[in-house]
Amino acid sequence: MADISAKVVKELREKTGAGMMDCKKALKENGGDMAKAMEWLRQKGIASADKKAGRVAAEGLVDSYIHTGGRIGVLVEVNCETDFVARREEFQSLVRNIAMQIAACPNVEYVSVEDIPAEFTENEKKIEMGREDLANKPENIREKIVVGRIEKRLKELSLLDQPYIKDQNITVAELIKQTIAQLGENIKIRRFVRFVLGEGIEKEESNFADEVAAQTGGKA
């Protein structure tokens, strides 16, 4: 096959964050097919990231993001292994993108499915088992449907399971693994909080016609 052009290698590098030599090898291994090369790099990156997953990550950044209009704000802590990596532009960009991801995900409450309390899962199971649409189904079929629904519900609450807002083909977990492969250190989202303006405040509901009547001395 023809040699892989530098332009294609550069394009793959921009899409994946992998090194130039790795990108060139990925393209050669997959006949120049961009999609297959990305998958190949992702698989290699995940393998590399998994090896680092047990290492202590106590450095990193606490970052904030305020969405346009000032109605949504996010604080997030993302950890890495060394202060050197914490100062890298790639890591700082990752943290900022994660903060933006949280702002864009109103249903997300936990970093991962593993962080969701067992009591919540049990309560969800009770609710699903009692739904009318399952009442006439055999027990084993009902159990499978409930398990599937609960798994979907838990993933909706998990940040790591969300499709990445800048590339819907990967999850936030895969984005982190790609960055681990790129920077060579373990990276973890430790915690986050999402603020929504006015959330939790009971707003007084008023009747417009009553207000007008009160101001004019008449009746609604």
Protein backbone atom coordinates (compact mmCIF):
# COMPACT_ATOMS: atom_id res chain seq x y z
CA MET A 1 0.00 0.00 0.00
CA ALA A 2 1.03 3.65 -0.44
CA ASP A 3 2.89 5.45 2.33
CA ILE A 4 0.74 7.11 4.98
CA SER A 5 0.81 10.89 4.46
CA ALA A 6 1.90 13.21 7.25
CA LYS A 7 -1.45 15.03 6.91
CA VAL A 8 -3.43 11.87 7.73
CA VAL A 9 -1.10 11.04 10.64
CA LYS A 10 -1.58 14.57 12.00
CA GLU A 11 -5.38 14.27 11.67
CA LEU A 12 -5.38 11.01 13.63
CA ARG A 13 -3.15 12.54 16.30
CA GLU A 14 -5.54 15.50 16.71
CA LYS A 15 -8.51 13.15 17.05
CA THR A 16 -6.92 10.79 19.56
CA GLY A 17 -4.12 12.66 21.33
CA ALA A 18 -1.79 9.73 20.65
CA GLY A 19 1.87 10.19 19.65
CA MET A 20 2.88 10.65 16.00
CA MET A 21 4.68 7.31 15.77
CA ASP A 22 1.74 5.47 17.36
CA CYS A 23 -0.65 7.13 14.91
CA LYS A 24 1.51 6.19 11.95
CA LYS A 25 1.72 2.59 13.15
CA ALA A 26 -2.04 2.44 13.75
CA LEU A 27 -2.73 3.64 10.21
CA LYS A 28 -0.26 1.16 8.70
CA GLU A 29 -1.72 -1.70 10.75
CA ASN A 30 -5.20 -0.86 9.48
CA GLY A 31 -4.54 -0.08 5.82
CA GLY A 32 -4.93 3.66 6.26
CA ASP A 33 -8.50 3.33 7.55
CA MET A 34 -9.02 6.24 9.97
CA ALA A 35 -11.89 4.68 11.94
CA LYS A 36 -10.12 1.35 12.40
CA ALA A 37 -6.89 3.14 13.35
CA MET A 38 -8.77 5.09 16.04
CA GLU A 39 -10.24 1.88 17.39
CA TRP A 40 -6.80 0.25 17.37
CA LEU A 41 -5.30 3.17 19.32
CA ARG A 42 -8.20 3.14 21.76
CA GLN A 43 -7.66 -0.53 22.46
CA LYS A 44 -3.94 0.02 23.00
CA GLY A 45 -4.64 3.06 25.14
CA ILE A 46 -7.14 1.23 27.30
CA ALA A 47 -4.68 -1.60 27.84
CA SER A 48 -2.04 0.93 28.86
CA ALA A 49 -4.46 2.80 31.11
CA ASP A 50 -5.61 -0.34 32.90
CA LYS A 51 -2.03 -1.09 33.96
CA LYS A 52 -1.84 2.31 35.66
CA ALA A 53 -5.30 2.19 37.29
CA GLY A 54 -4.00 0.94 40.65
CA ARG A 55 -1.38 3.65 41.09
CA VAL A 56 -1.98 6.41 43.65
CA ALA A 57 -3.18 9.70 42.16
CA ALA A 58 -3.06 12.46 44.78
CA GLU A 59 -1.96 15.48 42.72
CA GLY A 60 -4.09 17.21 40.11
CA LEU A 61 -6.44 20.16 39.90
CA VAL A 62 -9.64 21.59 41.31
CA ASP A 63 -11.30 23.54 38.52
CA SER A 64 -14.51 25.49 38.06
CA TYR A 65 -16.74 26.18 35.10
CA ILE A 66 -19.57 28.71 34.89
CA HIS A 67 -21.90 28.21 31.96
CA THR A 68 -22.90 31.19 29.81
CA GLY A 69 -25.53 33.24 31.59
CA GLY A 70 -24.29 32.30 35.05
CA ARG A 71 -27.15 29.88 35.77
CA ILE A 72 -25.07 26.68 36.02
CA GLY A 73 -21.72 26.26 37.81
CA VAL A 74 -19.42 23.30 38.40
CA LEU A 75 -16.56 22.48 40.76
CA VAL A 76 -14.57 19.33 40.00
CA GLU A 77 -11.44 17.65 41.39
CA VAL A 78 -9.41 15.51 38.98
CA ASN A 79 -6.33 13.70 40.27
CA CYS A 80 -3.10 12.58 38.61
CA GLU A 81 0.16 11.20 40.05
CA THR A 82 2.55 14.16 39.82
CA ASP A 83 2.49 17.94 39.90
CA PHE A 84 4.43 17.88 36.62
CA VAL A 85 1.49 16.29 34.78
CA ALA A 86 -0.99 18.51 36.63
CA ARG A 87 0.73 21.50 34.99
CA ARG A 88 0.57 19.97 31.51
CA GLU A 89 -1.76 21.71 29.07
CA GLU A 90 -3.29 18.36 28.07
CA PHE A 91 -4.27 17.56 31.66
CA GLN A 92 -5.66 21.03 32.30
CA SER A 93 -7.68 20.79 29.09
CA LEU A 94 -9.05 17.41 30.23
CA VAL A 95 -10.16 18.87 33.57
CA ARG A 96 -11.86 21.80 31.88
CA ASN A 97 -13.66 19.50 29.44
CA ILE A 98 -14.84 17.30 32.31
CA ALA A 99 -16.21 20.37 34.11
CA MET A 100 -18.08 21.35 30.93
CA GLN A 101 -19.37 17.77 30.62
CA ILE A 102 -20.81 17.93 34.15
CA ALA A 103 -22.51 21.24 33.37
CA ALA A 104 -24.13 19.63 30.32
CA CYS A 105 -25.40 16.56 32.24
CA PRO A 106 -28.34 17.48 34.53
CA ASN A 107 -29.01 13.87 35.59
CA VAL A 108 -25.46 12.94 36.62
CA GLU A 109 -24.97 12.64 40.38
CA TYR A 110 -22.03 10.24 40.83
CA VAL A 111 -18.58 9.73 39.34
CA SER A 112 -19.18 6.04 38.60
CA VAL A 113 -21.82 3.33 39.00
CA GLU A 114 -19.73 1.88 41.86
CA ASP A 115 -20.32 5.08 43.84
CA ILE A 116 -24.11 4.72 43.82
CA PRO A 117 -25.41 3.50 47.23
CA ALA A 118 -26.79 -0.04 47.38
CA GLU A 119 -29.96 1.30 49.04
CA PHE A 120 -30.71 3.38 45.93
CA THR A 121 -30.31 0.34 43.68
CA GLU A 122 -32.56 -1.77 45.90
CA ASN A 123 -35.22 0.91 45.93
CA GLU A 124 -35.10 1.18 42.13
CA LYS A 125 -35.54 -2.60 41.91
CA LYS A 126 -38.66 -2.47 44.12
CA ILE A 127 -40.13 0.30 41.96
CA GLU A 128 -39.42 -1.54 38.70
CA MET A 129 -40.70 -4.91 39.98
CA GLY A 130 -44.01 -3.26 40.86
CA ARG A 131 -44.64 -1.63 37.48
CA GLU A 132 -47.91 -2.57 35.81
CA ASP A 133 -46.35 -3.33 32.40
CA LEU A 134 -44.49 -6.29 33.96
CA ALA A 135 -47.37 -7.73 35.98
CA ASN A 136 -48.31 -10.44 33.47
CA LYS A 137 -44.80 -11.48 32.50
CA PRO A 138 -43.13 -14.69 33.78
CA GLU A 139 -40.86 -14.20 36.81
CA ASN A 140 -37.60 -14.94 34.95
CA ILE A 141 -38.48 -12.56 32.10
CA ARG A 142 -39.54 -9.86 34.54
CA GLU A 143 -36.23 -10.22 36.40
CA LYS A 144 -34.20 -9.75 33.19
CA ILE A 145 -36.19 -6.68 32.17
CA VAL A 146 -35.79 -5.13 35.63
CA VAL A 147 -32.02 -5.76 35.62
CA GLY A 148 -31.73 -4.09 32.22
CA ARG A 149 -33.75 -1.08 33.32
CA ILE A 150 -31.75 -0.65 36.52
CA GLU A 151 -28.43 -0.86 34.65
CA LYS A 152 -29.64 1.85 32.27
CA ARG A 153 -30.81 4.02 35.18
CA LEU A 154 -27.50 3.70 37.05
CA LYS A 155 -25.51 4.60 33.94
CA GLU A 156 -27.65 7.71 33.51
CA LEU A 157 -26.45 8.84 36.96
CA SER A 158 -22.77 7.99 36.33
CA LEU A 159 -20.44 10.62 34.88
CA LEU A 160 -17.96 8.05 33.53
CA ASP A 161 -20.70 6.35 31.50
CA GLN A 162 -21.83 9.51 29.69
CA PRO A 163 -21.08 9.99 25.97
CA TYR A 164 -18.36 12.65 25.76
CA ILE A 165 -19.95 15.94 24.63
CA LYS A 166 -17.16 16.66 22.11
CA ASP A 167 -17.09 13.14 20.66
CA GLN A 168 -20.25 11.06 21.11
CA ASN A 169 -18.40 7.92 19.93
CA ILE A 170 -16.56 7.62 23.25
CA THR A 171 -17.55 7.81 26.91
CA VAL A 172 -15.97 10.01 29.57
CA ALA A 173 -14.25 6.87 30.92
CA GLU A 174 -12.68 6.25 27.50
CA LEU A 175 -11.61 9.89 27.25
CA ILE A 176 -9.77 9.54 30.55
CA LYS A 177 -8.12 6.30 29.46
CA GLN A 178 -6.91 7.95 26.26
CA THR A 179 -5.38 10.77 28.32
CA ILE A 180 -3.75 8.24 30.68
CA ALA A 181 -2.16 6.56 27.66
CA GLN A 182 -1.02 9.95 26.38
CA LEU A 183 0.42 11.34 29.64
CA GLY A 184 1.60 8.07 31.19
CA GLU A 185 -0.02 8.58 34.60
CA ASN A 186 -3.11 7.34 36.37
CA ILE A 187 -5.96 9.90 36.24
CA LYS A 188 -9.15 9.83 38.28
CA ILE A 189 -12.15 12.07 38.75
CA ARG A 190 -12.43 12.25 42.52
CA ARG A 191 -15.51 14.37 43.13
CA PHE A 192 -17.67 17.12 41.72
CA VAL A 193 -20.60 19.36 42.57
CA ARG A 194 -23.03 20.97 40.14
CA PHE A 195 -24.86 24.19 41.05
CA VAL A 196 -28.08 25.29 39.33
CA LEU A 197 -29.39 28.78 40.06
CA GLY A 198 -32.48 28.64 42.26
CA GLU A 199 -32.40 24.86 42.63
CA GLY A 200 -34.19 23.69 45.78
CA ILE A 201 -35.90 27.02 46.41
CA GLU A 202 -39.68 26.89 46.46
CA LYS A 203 -40.86 29.70 44.23
CA GLU A 204 -44.12 31.37 45.14
CA GLU A 205 -46.72 30.75 42.45
CA SER A 206 -49.01 33.70 41.90
CA ASN A 207 -52.11 34.22 39.78
CA PHE A 208 -51.62 37.12 37.37
CA ALA A 209 -55.33 37.97 37.28
CA ASP A 210 -55.43 38.16 41.10
CA GLU A 211 -52.40 40.46 41.11
CA VAL A 212 -54.04 42.85 38.65
CA ALA A 213 -57.29 42.82 40.59
CA ALA A 214 -55.47 43.55 43.84
CA GLN A 215 -53.61 46.49 42.30
CA THR A 216 -56.74 48.02 40.73
CA GLY A 217 -59.05 47.36 43.66
CA GLY A 218 -61.27 45.20 41.51
CA LYS A 219 -62.06 41.51 41.41
CA ALA A 220 -60.38 38.85 39.27
